[in-house]
Amino acid sequence: MFIAAKYEEIHPMKLSVVYEKIAHKKLTTDQIKKKESDILQTIGFDLVGGTLFDILLEKNYKYLKKLCLYLSKMVLFDYEICGKYNYTLLAAALIFVAFKIVEQLDTTFNADSQIKDVAQIIQVDQDQLVEVAAKILNLAKNFEKHFPNLENLKKFNGFQLEDDEQ
């Protein structure tokens, strides 16, 4: 009650009220403060529970992170792509491709607006971004054909989009 009142109320209750009316004087004020500290440490001071929106964003973020990492490892094997473009443009193009893949998996995810924001923040030309993203996507689609002996990328990266728990 003491923690909830501090978090939810405009004027939280005083420790003396918790001591007298909630704990009925069976706990000392020091014990109440210690319990409060223990509870907060146990929950990592995370008083806000996740919403469905947070869970969906977290899932998409995990997909994006996995996709970007996997695609970046692929790009490092292709000297033509890796050596021709600067890393800022490559990073933006990797994010572009990852956004488009996540958009196919989750129709509520709007990749186009996200891509425009990324291009603007990173300050890359939209046309050049699309061109490099197309090359990266082509590489990803044909990676096994171009690099048939590189099984370790797939094997040790453990790439899969599904949650490990499912």
C-alpha atoms as a PDB file:
ATOM      1  CA  MET A   1       0.000   0.000   0.000  1.00  0.00           C
ATOM      2  CA  PHE A   2       2.841   2.354   0.866  1.00  0.00           C
ATOM      3  CA  ILE A   3       4.519   1.888  -2.534  1.00  0.00           C
ATOM      4  CA  ALA A   4       1.224   2.050  -4.433  1.00  0.00           C
ATOM      5  CA  ALA A   5       0.215   5.242  -2.638  1.00  0.00           C
ATOM      6  CA  LYS A   6       3.546   6.876  -3.503  1.00  0.00           C
ATOM      7  CA  TYR A   7       3.133   5.913  -7.127  1.00  0.00           C
ATOM      8  CA  GLU A   8      -0.584   6.523  -7.674  1.00  0.00           C
ATOM      9  CA  GLU A   9      -1.687   9.247  -5.264  1.00  0.00           C
ATOM     10  CA  ILE A  10      -1.192  12.972  -5.637  1.00  0.00           C
ATOM     11  CA  HIS A  11      -0.612  13.206  -1.893  1.00  0.00           C
ATOM     12  CA  PRO A  12       0.865   9.875  -0.770  1.00  0.00           C
ATOM     13  CA  MET A  13       0.147   8.661   2.717  1.00  0.00           C
ATOM     14  CA  LYS A  14       2.708   9.238   5.393  1.00  0.00           C
ATOM     15  CA  LEU A  15       4.758   6.500   6.955  1.00  0.00           C
ATOM     16  CA  SER A  16       3.009   7.134  10.271  1.00  0.00           C
ATOM     17  CA  VAL A  17      -0.374   6.342   8.666  1.00  0.00           C
ATOM     18  CA  VAL A  18       0.989   3.084   7.233  1.00  0.00           C
ATOM     19  CA  TYR A  19       2.473   2.229  10.633  1.00  0.00           C
ATOM     20  CA  GLU A  20      -0.743   2.938  12.576  1.00  0.00           C
ATOM     21  CA  LYS A  21      -3.637   2.123  10.233  1.00  0.00           C
ATOM     22  CA  ILE A  22      -2.293  -0.457   7.771  1.00  0.00           C
ATOM     23  CA  ALA A  23       0.341  -2.324   9.778  1.00  0.00           C
ATOM     24  CA  HIS A  24      -1.608  -1.831  13.020  1.00  0.00           C
ATOM     25  CA  LYS A  25       1.694  -1.134  14.802  1.00  0.00           C
ATOM     26  CA  LYS A  26       2.837  -4.738  14.242  1.00  0.00           C
ATOM     27  CA  LEU A  27       5.790  -3.566  12.110  1.00  0.00           C
ATOM     28  CA  THR A  28       8.205  -0.806  13.007  1.00  0.00           C
ATOM     29  CA  THR A  29       8.685   2.112  10.641  1.00  0.00           C
ATOM     30  CA  ASP A  30      12.188   0.819   9.915  1.00  0.00           C
ATOM     31  CA  GLN A  31      10.750  -2.597   8.988  1.00  0.00           C
ATOM     32  CA  ILE A  32       8.220  -0.930   6.663  1.00  0.00           C
ATOM     33  CA  LYS A  33      10.973   1.094   4.951  1.00  0.00           C
ATOM     34  CA  LYS A  34      13.157  -2.023   4.661  1.00  0.00           C
ATOM     35  CA  LYS A  35      10.291  -4.028   3.106  1.00  0.00           C
ATOM     36  CA  GLU A  36       9.634  -1.186   0.674  1.00  0.00           C
ATOM     37  CA  SER A  37      13.302  -1.188  -0.328  1.00  0.00           C
ATOM     38  CA  ASP A  38      13.372  -4.985  -0.690  1.00  0.00           C
ATOM     39  CA  ILE A  39      10.249  -5.032  -2.881  1.00  0.00           C
ATOM     40  CA  LEU A  40      11.509  -2.242  -5.137  1.00  0.00           C
ATOM     41  CA  GLN A  41      14.897  -3.912  -5.544  1.00  0.00           C
ATOM     42  CA  THR A  42      13.259  -7.258  -6.309  1.00  0.00           C
ATOM     43  CA  ILE A  43      11.148  -5.788  -9.101  1.00  0.00           C
ATOM     44  CA  GLY A  44      14.082  -3.740 -10.377  1.00  0.00           C
ATOM     45  CA  PHE A  45      12.294  -0.474  -9.542  1.00  0.00           C
ATOM     46  CA  ASP A  46      10.000  -1.204 -12.502  1.00  0.00           C
ATOM     47  CA  LEU A  47       6.639   0.012 -11.246  1.00  0.00           C
ATOM     48  CA  VAL A  48       5.018   0.305 -14.666  1.00  0.00           C
ATOM     49  CA  GLY A  49       3.707  -2.908 -16.102  1.00  0.00           C
ATOM     50  CA  GLY A  50       3.948  -3.576 -19.806  1.00  0.00           C
ATOM     51  CA  THR A  51       1.002  -3.005 -22.058  1.00  0.00           C
ATOM     52  CA  LEU A  52       0.051  -4.982 -25.146  1.00  0.00           C
ATOM     53  CA  PHE A  53       1.521  -2.139 -27.218  1.00  0.00           C
ATOM     54  CA  ASP A  54       4.855  -2.471 -25.356  1.00  0.00           C
ATOM     55  CA  ILE A  55       4.930  -6.221 -25.969  1.00  0.00           C
ATOM     56  CA  LEU A  56       4.297  -5.772 -29.689  1.00  0.00           C
ATOM     57  CA  LEU A  57       7.014  -3.124 -29.949  1.00  0.00           C
ATOM     58  CA  GLU A  58       9.444  -5.304 -28.022  1.00  0.00           C
ATOM     59  CA  LYS A  59       8.736  -8.253 -30.320  1.00  0.00           C
ATOM     60  CA  ASN A  60       9.271  -6.088 -33.421  1.00  0.00           C
ATOM     61  CA  TYR A  61      12.441  -4.666 -31.882  1.00  0.00           C
ATOM     62  CA  LYS A  62      13.795  -8.182 -31.348  1.00  0.00           C
ATOM     63  CA  TYR A  63      13.005  -9.046 -34.964  1.00  0.00           C
ATOM     64  CA  LEU A  64      14.653  -5.855 -36.185  1.00  0.00           C
ATOM     65  CA  LYS A  65      17.741  -6.451 -34.086  1.00  0.00           C
ATOM     66  CA  LYS A  66      18.108 -10.045 -35.310  1.00  0.00           C
ATOM     67  CA  LEU A  67      17.504  -9.077 -38.910  1.00  0.00           C
ATOM     68  CA  CYS A  68      19.941  -6.161 -38.872  1.00  0.00           C
ATOM     69  CA  LEU A  69      22.658  -8.269 -37.255  1.00  0.00           C
ATOM     70  CA  TYR A  70      22.175 -11.134 -39.692  1.00  0.00           C
ATOM     71  CA  LEU A  71      22.036  -8.864 -42.743  1.00  0.00           C
ATOM     72  CA  SER A  72      25.105  -6.919 -41.614  1.00  0.00           C
ATOM     73  CA  LYS A  73      27.070 -10.151 -41.302  1.00  0.00           C
ATOM     74  CA  MET A  74      25.996 -11.096 -44.825  1.00  0.00           C
ATOM     75  CA  VAL A  75      27.039  -7.717 -46.198  1.00  0.00           C
ATOM     76  CA  LEU A  76      30.510  -8.091 -44.699  1.00  0.00           C
ATOM     77  CA  PHE A  77      31.068 -11.091 -46.987  1.00  0.00           C
ATOM     78  CA  ASP A  78      30.209  -9.129 -50.125  1.00  0.00           C
ATOM     79  CA  TYR A  79      33.181  -6.876 -50.873  1.00  0.00           C
ATOM     80  CA  GLU A  80      31.365  -5.151 -53.732  1.00  0.00           C
ATOM     81  CA  ILE A  81      28.638  -3.840 -51.426  1.00  0.00           C
ATOM     82  CA  CYS A  82      30.793  -3.409 -48.345  1.00  0.00           C
ATOM     83  CA  GLY A  83      33.596  -1.594 -50.165  1.00  0.00           C
ATOM     84  CA  LYS A  84      31.452   0.608 -52.379  1.00  0.00           C
ATOM     85  CA  TYR A  85      29.200   2.368 -49.852  1.00  0.00           C
ATOM     86  CA  ASN A  86      29.901   4.173 -46.604  1.00  0.00           C
ATOM     87  CA  TYR A  87      28.809   2.550 -43.372  1.00  0.00           C
ATOM     88  CA  THR A  88      26.124   5.139 -42.654  1.00  0.00           C
ATOM     89  CA  LEU A  89      24.353   4.374 -45.916  1.00  0.00           C
ATOM     90  CA  LEU A  90      24.811   0.622 -45.394  1.00  0.00           C
ATOM     91  CA  ALA A  91      23.345   0.848 -41.901  1.00  0.00           C
ATOM     92  CA  ALA A  92      20.330   2.803 -43.164  1.00  0.00           C
ATOM     93  CA  ALA A  93      19.822   0.292 -45.995  1.00  0.00           C
ATOM     94  CA  LEU A  94      20.042  -2.645 -43.571  1.00  0.00           C
ATOM     95  CA  ILE A  95      17.411  -1.019 -41.395  1.00  0.00           C
ATOM     96  CA  PHE A  96      15.296  -0.381 -44.504  1.00  0.00           C
ATOM     97  CA  VAL A  97      15.356  -4.059 -45.480  1.00  0.00           C
ATOM     98  CA  ALA A  98      14.706  -5.180 -41.901  1.00  0.00           C
ATOM     99  CA  PHE A  99      11.726  -2.809 -41.616  1.00  0.00           C
ATOM    100  CA  LYS A 100      10.257  -4.171 -44.835  1.00  0.00           C
ATOM    101  CA  ILE A 101      10.640  -7.768 -43.615  1.00  0.00           C
ATOM    102  CA  VAL A 102       9.025  -6.980 -40.260  1.00  0.00           C
ATOM    103  CA  GLU A 103       6.212  -5.196 -42.096  1.00  0.00           C
ATOM    104  CA  GLN A 104       5.477  -8.441 -43.951  1.00  0.00           C
ATOM    105  CA  LEU A 105       5.351 -10.335 -40.654  1.00  0.00           C
ATOM    106  CA  ASP A 106       3.295  -7.732 -38.789  1.00  0.00           C
ATOM    107  CA  THR A 107       0.836  -5.796 -40.931  1.00  0.00           C
ATOM    108  CA  THR A 108       0.320  -3.199 -38.182  1.00  0.00           C
ATOM    109  CA  PHE A 109       3.966  -2.139 -38.528  1.00  0.00           C
ATOM    110  CA  ASN A 110       4.300   0.833 -40.905  1.00  0.00           C
ATOM    111  CA  ALA A 111       7.748   0.557 -42.475  1.00  0.00           C
ATOM    112  CA  ASP A 112       7.481   3.501 -44.856  1.00  0.00           C
ATOM    113  CA  SER A 113       7.107   6.171 -42.185  1.00  0.00           C
ATOM    114  CA  GLN A 114       9.874   4.562 -40.147  1.00  0.00           C
ATOM    115  CA  ILE A 115      12.186   4.438 -43.168  1.00  0.00           C
ATOM    116  CA  LYS A 116      11.607   8.125 -43.932  1.00  0.00           C
ATOM    117  CA  ASP A 117      12.484   8.982 -40.329  1.00  0.00           C
ATOM    118  CA  VAL A 118      15.670   6.895 -40.468  1.00  0.00           C
ATOM    119  CA  ALA A 119      16.725   8.470 -43.785  1.00  0.00           C
ATOM    120  CA  GLN A 120      16.118  11.935 -42.395  1.00  0.00           C
ATOM    121  CA  ILE A 121      17.926  11.283 -39.105  1.00  0.00           C
ATOM    122  CA  ILE A 122      20.921   9.609 -40.742  1.00  0.00           C
ATOM    123  CA  GLN A 123      20.808  12.183 -43.573  1.00  0.00           C
ATOM    124  CA  VAL A 124      21.028   9.855 -46.562  1.00  0.00           C
ATOM    125  CA  ASP A 125      19.531  10.314 -50.007  1.00  0.00           C
ATOM    126  CA  GLN A 126      16.245   8.398 -50.279  1.00  0.00           C
ATOM    127  CA  ASP A 127      16.957   7.168 -53.837  1.00  0.00           C
ATOM    128  CA  GLN A 128      20.428   5.955 -52.946  1.00  0.00           C
ATOM    129  CA  LEU A 129      18.997   4.309 -49.832  1.00  0.00           C
ATOM    130  CA  VAL A 130      16.472   2.365 -51.915  1.00  0.00           C
ATOM    131  CA  GLU A 131      19.192   1.359 -54.398  1.00  0.00           C
ATOM    132  CA  VAL A 132      21.516  -0.012 -51.711  1.00  0.00           C
ATOM    133  CA  ALA A 133      18.621  -1.692 -49.880  1.00  0.00           C
ATOM    134  CA  ALA A 134      17.688  -3.493 -53.112  1.00  0.00           C
ATOM    135  CA  LYS A 135      21.258  -4.787 -53.423  1.00  0.00           C
ATOM    136  CA  ILE A 136      21.247  -5.991 -49.824  1.00  0.00           C
ATOM    137  CA  LEU A 137      17.889  -7.703 -50.294  1.00  0.00           C
ATOM    138  CA  ASN A 138      19.186  -9.372 -53.466  1.00  0.00           C
ATOM    139  CA  LEU A 139      22.268 -10.520 -51.560  1.00  0.00           C
ATOM    140  CA  ALA A 140      20.106 -11.935 -48.772  1.00  0.00           C
ATOM    141  CA  LYS A 141      17.898 -13.810 -51.245  1.00  0.00           C
ATOM    142  CA  ASN A 142      20.886 -15.269 -53.108  1.00  0.00           C
ATOM    143  CA  PHE A 143      23.419 -15.548 -50.301  1.00  0.00           C
ATOM    144  CA  GLU A 144      23.532 -19.339 -50.263  1.00  0.00           C
ATOM    145  CA  LYS A 145      23.997 -19.424 -54.028  1.00  0.00           C
ATOM    146  CA  HIS A 146      26.869 -16.892 -53.986  1.00  0.00           C
ATOM    147  CA  PHE A 147      28.491 -18.215 -50.798  1.00  0.00           C
ATOM    148  CA  PRO A 148      27.536 -21.914 -50.566  1.00  0.00           C
ATOM    149  CA  ASN A 149      30.306 -22.838 -48.141  1.00  0.00           C
ATOM    150  CA  LEU A 150      29.410 -20.287 -45.471  1.00  0.00           C
ATOM    151  CA  GLU A 151      27.188 -22.478 -43.335  1.00  0.00           C
ATOM    152  CA  ASN A 152      28.633 -21.033 -40.119  1.00  0.00           C
ATOM    153  CA  LEU A 153      26.779 -17.749 -40.562  1.00  0.00           C
ATOM    154  CA  LYS A 154      23.455 -19.552 -40.375  1.00  0.00           C
ATOM    155  CA  LYS A 155      24.617 -22.158 -37.882  1.00  0.00           C
ATOM    156  CA  PHE A 156      26.216 -19.927 -35.274  1.00  0.00           C
ATOM    157  CA  ASN A 157      23.980 -16.910 -35.673  1.00  0.00           C
ATOM    158  CA  GLY A 158      20.992 -19.110 -34.824  1.00  0.00           C
ATOM    159  CA  PHE A 159      18.781 -16.918 -36.949  1.00  0.00           C
ATOM    160  CA  GLN A 160      15.068 -17.436 -36.727  1.00  0.00           C
ATOM    161  CA  LEU A 161      12.269 -14.931 -36.380  1.00  0.00           C
ATOM    162  CA  GLU A 162      10.011 -16.985 -34.149  1.00  0.00           C
ATOM    163  CA  ASP A 163      10.317 -16.584 -30.416  1.00  0.00           C
ATOM    164  CA  ASP A 164      12.523 -19.199 -28.820  1.00  0.00           C
ATOM    165  CA  GLU A 165       9.732 -20.099 -26.403  1.00  0.00           C
ATOM    166  CA  GLN A 166       7.191 -20.988 -29.092  1.00  0.00           C
END
